[in-house]
Protein backbone atom coordinates (compact mmCIF):
# COMPACT_ATOMS: atom_id res chain seq x y z
CA MET A 1 -0.13 -0.17 0.20
CA LYS A 2 1.50 3.49 -0.85
CA ILE A 3 0.01 6.89 0.57
CA LEU A 4 0.00 9.45 -1.99
CA ARG A 5 -0.12 12.97 -1.68
CA PRO A 6 -2.84 14.76 -3.40
CA GLU A 7 -0.59 16.28 -6.22
CA GLU A 8 0.66 12.81 -6.68
CA VAL A 9 -3.46 11.39 -7.21
CA LYS A 10 -4.24 11.23 -11.18
CA GLU A 11 -7.67 9.69 -10.43
CA PHE A 12 -9.62 9.10 -7.39
CA PRO A 13 -9.11 5.25 -6.61
CA LYS A 14 -12.17 3.10 -6.31
CA LEU A 15 -13.69 2.95 -2.71
CA ARG A 16 -13.38 -0.61 -0.65
CA GLU A 17 -13.46 -1.63 2.82
CA LEU A 18 -10.01 -2.02 4.66
CA SER A 19 -8.95 -5.06 6.55
CA PRO A 20 -8.18 -3.88 10.08
CA GLU A 21 -4.37 -5.00 8.84
CA GLU A 22 -4.42 -2.96 6.19
CA LEU A 23 -5.96 0.04 8.17
CA ARG A 24 -2.97 -0.28 10.32
CA GLU A 25 -1.02 0.08 7.62
CA ALA A 26 -2.05 2.90 6.29
CA TYR A 27 -2.12 4.59 9.77
CA ALA A 28 1.53 3.95 9.92
CA LEU A 29 2.40 5.02 6.29
CA ALA A 30 0.34 8.45 6.93
CA LYS A 31 2.02 9.06 9.86
CA ALA A 32 5.30 8.19 8.61
CA ALA A 33 4.49 10.72 6.01
CA PHE A 34 3.25 13.55 7.70
CA THR A 35 6.49 16.18 7.71
CA ALA A 36 6.81 19.09 9.64
CA GLU A 37 6.18 21.36 6.78
CA ASP A 38 2.72 19.61 7.01
CA LEU A 39 2.18 20.35 10.49
CA TYR A 40 3.41 23.91 9.81
CA ARG A 41 0.47 24.46 7.17
CA CYS A 42 -1.77 23.15 9.78
CA THR A 43 -0.99 25.78 12.23
CA GLU A 44 -0.26 28.64 9.97
CA GLU A 45 -2.83 31.24 9.88
CA GLU A 46 -4.81 31.88 6.59
CA GLU A 47 -5.95 35.36 5.51
CA GLY A 48 -9.70 34.65 5.53
CA ILE A 49 -12.44 37.44 4.79
CA PRO A 50 -13.67 40.27 7.31
CA MET A 51 -16.38 38.46 9.45
CA GLU A 52 -18.48 41.97 8.57
CA ASP A 53 -18.01 40.89 4.69
CA PHE A 54 -19.00 37.19 5.22
CA LEU A 55 -22.47 37.83 7.37
CA LYS A 56 -23.19 40.64 4.75
CA GLU A 57 -23.19 38.04 2.08
CA LEU A 58 -25.20 35.44 4.01
CA GLU A 59 -27.76 38.05 4.38
CA GLU A 60 -27.69 38.74 0.82
CA ILE A 61 -28.32 34.91 0.40
CA GLN A 62 -31.33 34.74 2.88
CA GLU A 63 -32.88 37.57 1.50
CA LYS A 64 -32.53 36.20 -2.28
CA VAL A 65 -34.04 32.89 -0.66
CA GLU A 66 -36.69 34.52 1.19
CA GLN A 67 -37.96 36.62 -1.86
CA GLY A 68 -38.04 33.30 -4.14
CA ASN A 69 -40.52 31.76 -1.60
CA GLN A 70 -43.14 34.40 -1.60
């Protein structure tokens, strides 16, 4: 079994049930592949949009939905 990074995946594999042994192997491989760079990406703060802008956009969407229901 090989753990692929998202940039290495060319097509999504078919889903299947994994045996307990396969799950242990997958977890071990994923843990071993997790680097300090991965940890850093998980902890760095991403630039976002101001909450006021987000709420305004939600309110606009809600108004459109309410107008469509009338």
